[in-house]
Each structure stands twice: as structure tokens, then as C-alpha cells.
């Protein structure tokens, strides 16, 4: 999922995923401080030419079910 977003995990750890938008009342929020983070991305032409500008929420919902 492109762009800034949060992740959630249920207290019983049976559900979790991306959280692109929400309203919350009475929650505990934890933020991880990562002093060092490494991410390796593919360098194929297919990946480098990917269009990440569209709204892909429907695709994401299907994948996360």
C-alpha cells in the first residue's frame, strides 16, 4: 500500500492489517522507533515502471481477507 498508513493487530492476534483510515475512541497506540531500517526492493523493469498512483483499496481488501 503506497503512502503513509498505519497497521493494526487485534489483542488476540487473530486479525491485523493495513489501516488506511479510521476514527478511534478509547484505544492504546504504540509506535515503534526504528533506529535502523533496511528495505530491499526489486530492480526489474516491471517493478520500476509500476504505477502506484491509483486507489487500490478494493484489491487490498481482497488480499487481506
PDB file of N, CA and C in Angstrom:
ATOM      1  N   UNK A   1       0.852  -1.173   0.000  1.00  0.00           N
ATOM      2  CA  UNK A   1       0.000   0.000   0.000  1.00  0.00           C
ATOM      3  C   UNK A   1       0.893   1.231   0.000  1.00  0.00           C
ATOM      4  N   UNK A   2       0.779   2.030  -0.999  1.00  0.00           N
ATOM      5  CA  UNK A   2       1.607   3.228  -1.108  1.00  0.00           C
ATOM      6  C   UNK A   2       1.120   4.313  -0.158  1.00  0.00           C
ATOM      7  N   UNK A   3       2.016   5.173   0.251  1.00  0.00           N
ATOM      8  CA  UNK A   3       1.653   6.297   1.117  1.00  0.00           C
ATOM      9  C   UNK A   3       1.714   5.952   2.590  1.00  0.00           C
ATOM     10  N   UNK A   4       1.538   6.975   3.410  1.00  0.00           N
ATOM     11  CA  UNK A   4       1.554   6.768   4.853  1.00  0.00           C
ATOM     12  C   UNK A   4       0.271   6.087   5.291  1.00  0.00           C
ATOM     13  N   UNK A   5       0.414   5.119   6.152  1.00  0.00           N
ATOM     14  CA  UNK A   5      -0.734   4.430   6.718  1.00  0.00           C
ATOM     15  C   UNK A   5      -0.283   3.697   7.982  1.00  0.00           C
ATOM     16  N   UNK A   6      -1.235   3.265   8.756  1.00  0.00           N
ATOM     17  CA  UNK A   6      -0.940   2.534   9.994  1.00  0.00           C
ATOM     18  C   UNK A   6      -1.275   1.061   9.799  1.00  0.00           C
ATOM     19  N   UNK A   7      -0.820   0.259  10.752  1.00  0.00           N
ATOM     20  CA  UNK A   7      -1.161  -1.157  10.791  1.00  0.00           C
ATOM     21  C   UNK A   7      -1.825  -1.428  12.131  1.00  0.00           C
ATOM     22  N   UNK A   8      -2.650  -2.452  12.170  1.00  0.00           N
ATOM     23  CA  UNK A   8      -3.268  -2.828  13.437  1.00  0.00           C
ATOM     24  C   UNK A   8      -3.125  -4.327  13.638  1.00  0.00           C
ATOM     25  N   UNK A   9      -3.227  -4.722  14.904  1.00  0.00           N
ATOM     26  CA  UNK A   9      -3.297  -6.136  15.246  1.00  0.00           C
ATOM     27  C   UNK A   9      -4.255  -6.258  16.423  1.00  0.00           C
ATOM     28  N   UNK A  10      -5.168  -7.202  16.342  1.00  0.00           N
ATOM     29  CA  UNK A  10      -6.154  -7.411  17.398  1.00  0.00           C
ATOM     30  C   UNK A  10      -5.462  -7.961  18.640  1.00  0.00           C
ATOM     31  N   UNK A  11      -6.062  -7.707  19.787  1.00  0.00           N
ATOM     32  CA  UNK A  11      -5.489  -8.167  21.055  1.00  0.00           C
ATOM     33  C   UNK A  11      -5.269  -9.679  21.067  1.00  0.00           C
ATOM     34  N   UNK A  12      -6.161 -10.443  20.428  1.00  0.00           N
ATOM     35  CA  UNK A  12      -5.998 -11.903  20.390  1.00  0.00           C
ATOM     36  C   UNK A  12      -5.095 -12.359  19.245  1.00  0.00           C
ATOM     37  N   UNK A  13      -4.558 -11.404  18.482  1.00  0.00           N
ATOM     38  CA  UNK A  13      -3.631 -11.652  17.376  1.00  0.00           C
ATOM     39  C   UNK A  13      -4.213 -12.529  16.271  1.00  0.00           C
ATOM     40  N   UNK A  14      -5.538 -12.547  16.138  1.00  0.00           N
ATOM     41  CA  UNK A  14      -6.184 -13.318  15.077  1.00  0.00           C
ATOM     42  C   UNK A  14      -6.528 -12.470  13.866  1.00  0.00           C
ATOM     43  N   UNK A  15      -6.341 -11.168  13.978  1.00  0.00           N
ATOM     44  CA  UNK A  15      -6.636 -10.273  12.862  1.00  0.00           C
ATOM     45  C   UNK A  15      -5.641  -9.124  12.881  1.00  0.00           C
ATOM     46  N   UNK A  16      -5.367  -8.584  11.718  1.00  0.00           N
ATOM     47  CA  UNK A  16      -4.464  -7.451  11.609  1.00  0.00           C
ATOM     48  C   UNK A  16      -4.355  -7.034  10.162  1.00  0.00           C
ATOM     49  N   UNK A  17      -3.700  -5.917   9.929  1.00  0.00           N
ATOM     50  CA  UNK A  17      -3.520  -5.481   8.558  1.00  0.00           C
ATOM     51  C   UNK A  17      -3.334  -3.987   8.443  1.00  0.00           C
ATOM     52  N   UNK A  18      -3.557  -3.467   7.248  1.00  0.00           N
ATOM     53  CA  UNK A  18      -3.409  -2.051   6.963  1.00  0.00           C
ATOM     54  C   UNK A  18      -4.601  -1.271   7.505  1.00  0.00           C
ATOM     55  N   UNK A  19      -4.356  -0.050   7.886  1.00  0.00           N
ATOM     56  CA  UNK A  19      -5.395   0.825   8.399  1.00  0.00           C
ATOM     57  C   UNK A  19      -5.279   2.163   7.663  1.00  0.00           C
ATOM     58  N   UNK A  20      -5.875   2.267   6.463  1.00  0.00           N
ATOM     59  CA  UNK A  20      -5.720   3.488   5.674  1.00  0.00           C
ATOM     60  C   UNK A  20      -6.510   4.670   6.227  1.00  0.00           C
ATOM     61  N   UNK A  21      -7.557   4.415   7.011  1.00  0.00           N
ATOM     62  CA  UNK A  21      -8.387   5.489   7.544  1.00  0.00           C
ATOM     63  C   UNK A  21      -9.179   4.948   8.728  1.00  0.00           C
ATOM     64  N   UNK A  22      -9.365   5.762   9.768  1.00  0.00           N
ATOM     65  CA  UNK A  22     -10.149   5.291  10.913  1.00  0.00           C
ATOM     66  C   UNK A  22     -10.501   6.445  11.842  1.00  0.00           C
ATOM     67  N   UNK A  23     -11.431   6.169  12.735  1.00  0.00           N
ATOM     68  CA  UNK A  23     -11.763   7.021  13.876  1.00  0.00           C
ATOM     69  C   UNK A  23     -11.763   6.110  15.085  1.00  0.00           C
ATOM     70  N   UNK A  24     -11.111   6.539  16.147  1.00  0.00           N
ATOM     71  CA  UNK A  24     -10.915   5.671  17.299  1.00  0.00           C
ATOM     72  C   UNK A  24     -11.324   6.390  18.584  1.00  0.00           C
ATOM     73  N   UNK A  25     -11.979   5.643  19.472  1.00  0.00           N
ATOM     74  CA  UNK A  25     -12.277   6.123  20.817  1.00  0.00           C
ATOM     75  C   UNK A  25     -11.742   5.103  21.809  1.00  0.00           C
ATOM     76  N   UNK A  26     -10.992   5.549  22.789  1.00  0.00           N
ATOM     77  CA  UNK A  26     -10.505   4.664  23.850  1.00  0.00           C
ATOM     78  C   UNK A  26      -9.583   3.572  23.356  1.00  0.00           C
ATOM     79  N   UNK A  27      -8.460   3.925  22.785  1.00  0.00           N
ATOM     80  CA  UNK A  27      -7.530   2.930  22.260  1.00  0.00           C
ATOM     81  C   UNK A  27      -6.139   3.153  22.829  1.00  0.00           C
ATOM     82  N   UNK A  28      -5.329   2.122  22.763  1.00  0.00           N
ATOM     83  CA  UNK A  28      -3.915   2.225  23.094  1.00  0.00           C
ATOM     84  C   UNK A  28      -3.138   2.195  21.791  1.00  0.00           C
ATOM     85  N   UNK A  29      -2.274   3.168  21.594  1.00  0.00           N
ATOM     86  CA  UNK A  29      -1.492   3.262  20.369  1.00  0.00           C
ATOM     87  C   UNK A  29      -0.027   3.063  20.702  1.00  0.00           C
ATOM     88  N   UNK A  30       0.653   2.240  19.917  1.00  0.00           N
ATOM     89  CA  UNK A  30       2.089   2.026  20.094  1.00  0.00           C
ATOM     90  C   UNK A  30       2.798   2.381  18.797  1.00  0.00           C
ATOM     91  N   UNK A  31       3.902   3.063  18.929  1.00  0.00           N
ATOM     92  CA  UNK A  31       4.702   3.451  17.780  1.00  0.00           C
ATOM     93  C   UNK A  31       6.098   2.876  17.965  1.00  0.00           C
ATOM     94  N   UNK A  32       6.591   2.208  16.938  1.00  0.00           N
ATOM     95  CA  UNK A  32       7.922   1.616  17.017  1.00  0.00           C
ATOM     96  C   UNK A  32       8.968   2.617  16.538  1.00  0.00           C
ATOM     97  N   UNK A  33       9.972   2.819  17.350  1.00  0.00           N
ATOM     98  CA  UNK A  33      11.115   3.645  16.947  1.00  0.00           C
ATOM     99  C   UNK A  33      12.138   2.718  16.297  1.00  0.00           C
ATOM    100  N   UNK A  34      12.419   2.956  15.033  1.00  0.00           N
ATOM    101  CA  UNK A  34      13.357   2.108  14.309  1.00  0.00           C
ATOM    102  C   UNK A  34      14.621   2.909  14.016  1.00  0.00           C
ATOM    103  N   UNK A  35      15.663   2.717  14.809  1.00  0.00           N
ATOM    104  CA  UNK A  35      16.888   3.474  14.573  1.00  0.00           C
ATOM    105  C   UNK A  35      17.615   3.045  13.296  1.00  0.00           C
ATOM    106  N   UNK A  36      17.291   1.844  12.809  1.00  0.00           N
ATOM    107  CA  UNK A  36      17.946   1.342  11.613  1.00  0.00           C
ATOM    108  C   UNK A  36      16.949   0.464  10.868  1.00  0.00           C
ATOM    109  N   UNK A  37      16.709   0.793   9.619  1.00  0.00           N
ATOM    110  CA  UNK A  37      15.738   0.057   8.816  1.00  0.00           C
ATOM    111  C   UNK A  37      16.319  -0.175   7.429  1.00  0.00           C
ATOM    112  N   UNK A  38      16.227  -1.390   6.948  1.00  0.00           N
ATOM    113  CA  UNK A  38      16.747  -1.716   5.630  1.00  0.00           C
ATOM    114  C   UNK A  38      15.630  -2.348   4.801  1.00  0.00           C
ATOM    115  N   UNK A  39      15.463  -1.868   3.578  1.00  0.00           N
ATOM    116  CA  UNK A  39      14.434  -2.386   2.689  1.00  0.00           C
ATOM    117  C   UNK A  39      15.058  -2.641   1.327  1.00  0.00           C
ATOM    118  N   UNK A  40      14.944  -3.863   0.860  1.00  0.00           N
ATOM    119  CA  UNK A  40      15.465  -4.207  -0.467  1.00  0.00           C
ATOM    120  C   UNK A  40      14.292  -4.370  -1.407  1.00  0.00           C
ATOM    121  N   UNK A  41      14.308  -3.615  -2.488  1.00  0.00           N
ATOM    122  CA  UNK A  41      13.250  -3.659  -3.482  1.00  0.00           C
ATOM    123  C   UNK A  41      13.755  -4.299  -4.767  1.00  0.00           C
ATOM    124  N   UNK A  42      12.844  -4.912  -5.523  1.00  0.00           N
ATOM    125  CA  UNK A  42      13.254  -5.488  -6.807  1.00  0.00           C
ATOM    126  C   UNK A  42      13.769  -4.401  -7.746  1.00  0.00           C
ATOM    127  N   UNK A  43      14.635  -4.756  -8.657  1.00  0.00           N
ATOM    128  CA  UNK A  43      15.125  -3.781  -9.625  1.00  0.00           C
ATOM    129  C   UNK A  43      14.729  -4.160 -11.061  1.00  0.00           C
ATOM    130  N   UNK A  44      13.667  -4.960 -11.176  1.00  0.00           N
ATOM    131  CA  UNK A  44      13.188  -5.343 -12.510  1.00  0.00           C
ATOM    132  C   UNK A  44      12.475  -4.159 -13.162  1.00  0.00           C
ATOM    133  N   UNK A  45      12.406  -4.163 -14.485  1.00  0.00           N
ATOM    134  CA  UNK A  45      11.714  -3.104 -15.213  1.00  0.00           C
ATOM    135  C   UNK A  45      10.230  -3.076 -14.844  1.00  0.00           C
ATOM    136  N   UNK A  46       9.650  -4.247 -14.662  1.00  0.00           N
ATOM    137  CA  UNK A  46       8.226  -4.315 -14.279  1.00  0.00           C
ATOM    138  C   UNK A  46       7.992  -3.563 -12.965  1.00  0.00           C
ATOM    139  N   UNK A  47       8.848  -3.789 -11.986  1.00  0.00           N
ATOM    140  CA  UNK A  47       8.704  -3.107 -10.702  1.00  0.00           C
ATOM    141  C   UNK A  47       8.996  -1.612 -10.840  1.00  0.00           C
ATOM    142  N   UNK A  48      10.068  -1.278 -11.529  1.00  0.00           N
ATOM    143  CA  UNK A  48      10.464   0.119 -11.653  1.00  0.00           C
ATOM    144  C   UNK A  48       9.449   0.953 -12.421  1.00  0.00           C
ATOM    145  N   UNK A  49       8.668   0.329 -13.281  1.00  0.00           N
ATOM    146  CA  UNK A  49       7.677   1.053 -14.071  1.00  0.00           C
ATOM    147  C   UNK A  49       6.254   0.921 -13.509  1.00  0.00           C
ATOM    148  N   UNK A  50       6.125   0.390 -12.296  1.00  0.00           N
ATOM    149  CA  UNK A  50       4.804   0.208 -11.683  1.00  0.00           C
ATOM    150  C   UNK A  50       4.127   1.544 -11.443  1.00  0.00           C
ATOM    151  N   UNK A  51       2.823   1.588 -11.712  1.00  0.00           N
ATOM    152  CA  UNK A  51       2.020   2.782 -11.465  1.00  0.00           C
ATOM    153  C   UNK A  51       1.374   2.636 -10.091  1.00  0.00           C
ATOM    154  N   UNK A  52       1.803   3.444  -9.131  1.00  0.00           N
ATOM    155  CA  UNK A  52       1.289   3.375  -7.761  1.00  0.00           C
ATOM    156  C   UNK A  52       0.340   4.524  -7.445  1.00  0.00           C
ATOM    157  N   UNK A  53      -0.187   5.187  -8.468  1.00  0.00           N
ATOM    158  CA  UNK A  53      -0.994   6.378  -8.234  1.00  0.00           C
ATOM    159  C   UNK A  53      -2.476   6.093  -8.014  1.00  0.00           C
ATOM    160  N   UNK A  54      -2.972   4.936  -8.388  1.00  0.00           N
ATOM    161  CA  UNK A  54      -4.408   4.656  -8.293  1.00  0.00           C
ATOM    162  C   UNK A  54      -4.847   4.252  -6.889  1.00  0.00           C
ATOM    163  N   UNK A  55      -6.156   4.240  -6.679  1.00  0.00           N
ATOM    164  CA  UNK A  55      -6.751   3.789  -5.424  1.00  0.00           C
ATOM    165  C   UNK A  55      -6.917   2.277  -5.509  1.00  0.00           C
ATOM    166  N   UNK A  56      -6.161   1.561  -4.702  1.00  0.00           N
ATOM    167  CA  UNK A  56      -6.164   0.103  -4.790  1.00  0.00           C
ATOM    168  C   UNK A  56      -6.773  -0.538  -3.551  1.00  0.00           C
ATOM    169  N   UNK A  57      -7.657   0.177  -2.867  1.00  0.00           N
ATOM    170  CA  UNK A  57      -8.258  -0.356  -1.630  1.00  0.00           C
ATOM    171  C   UNK A  57      -9.037  -1.637  -1.865  1.00  0.00           C
ATOM    172  N   UNK A  58      -9.757  -1.737  -2.983  1.00  0.00           N
ATOM    173  CA  UNK A  58     -10.520  -2.954  -3.249  1.00  0.00           C
ATOM    174  C   UNK A  58      -9.595  -4.155  -3.412  1.00  0.00           C
ATOM    175  N   UNK A  59      -8.494  -3.975  -4.113  1.00  0.00           N
ATOM    176  CA  UNK A  59      -7.521  -5.061  -4.268  1.00  0.00           C
ATOM    177  C   UNK A  59      -6.937  -5.442  -2.921  1.00  0.00           C
ATOM    178  N   UNK A  60      -6.612  -4.445  -2.103  1.00  0.00           N
ATOM    179  CA  UNK A  60      -6.033  -4.688  -0.797  1.00  0.00           C
ATOM    180  C   UNK A  60      -7.004  -5.440   0.117  1.00  0.00           C
ATOM    181  N   UNK A  61      -8.265  -5.034   0.096  1.00  0.00           N
ATOM    182  CA  UNK A  61      -9.279  -5.717   0.913  1.00  0.00           C
ATOM    183  C   UNK A  61      -9.385  -7.188   0.515  1.00  0.00           C
ATOM    184  N   UNK A  62      -9.332  -7.473  -0.775  1.00  0.00           N
ATOM    185  CA  UNK A  62      -9.423  -8.860  -1.254  1.00  0.00           C
ATOM    186  C   UNK A  62      -8.225  -9.674  -0.766  1.00  0.00           C
ATOM    187  N   UNK A  63      -7.037  -9.088  -0.828  1.00  0.00           N
ATOM    188  CA  UNK A  63      -5.823  -9.781  -0.409  1.00  0.00           C
ATOM    189  C   UNK A  63      -5.810 -10.045   1.094  1.00  0.00           C
ATOM    190  N   UNK A  64      -6.296  -9.100   1.889  1.00  0.00           N
ATOM    191  CA  UNK A  64      -6.195  -9.208   3.343  1.00  0.00           C
ATOM    192  C   UNK A  64      -7.306 -10.015   3.985  1.00  0.00           C
ATOM    193  N   UNK A  65      -8.225 -10.532   3.206  1.00  0.00           N
ATOM    194  CA  UNK A  65      -9.309 -11.348   3.790  1.00  0.00           C
ATOM    195  C   UNK A  65      -8.837 -12.719   4.134  1.00  0.00           C
TER     196      UNK A  65
END
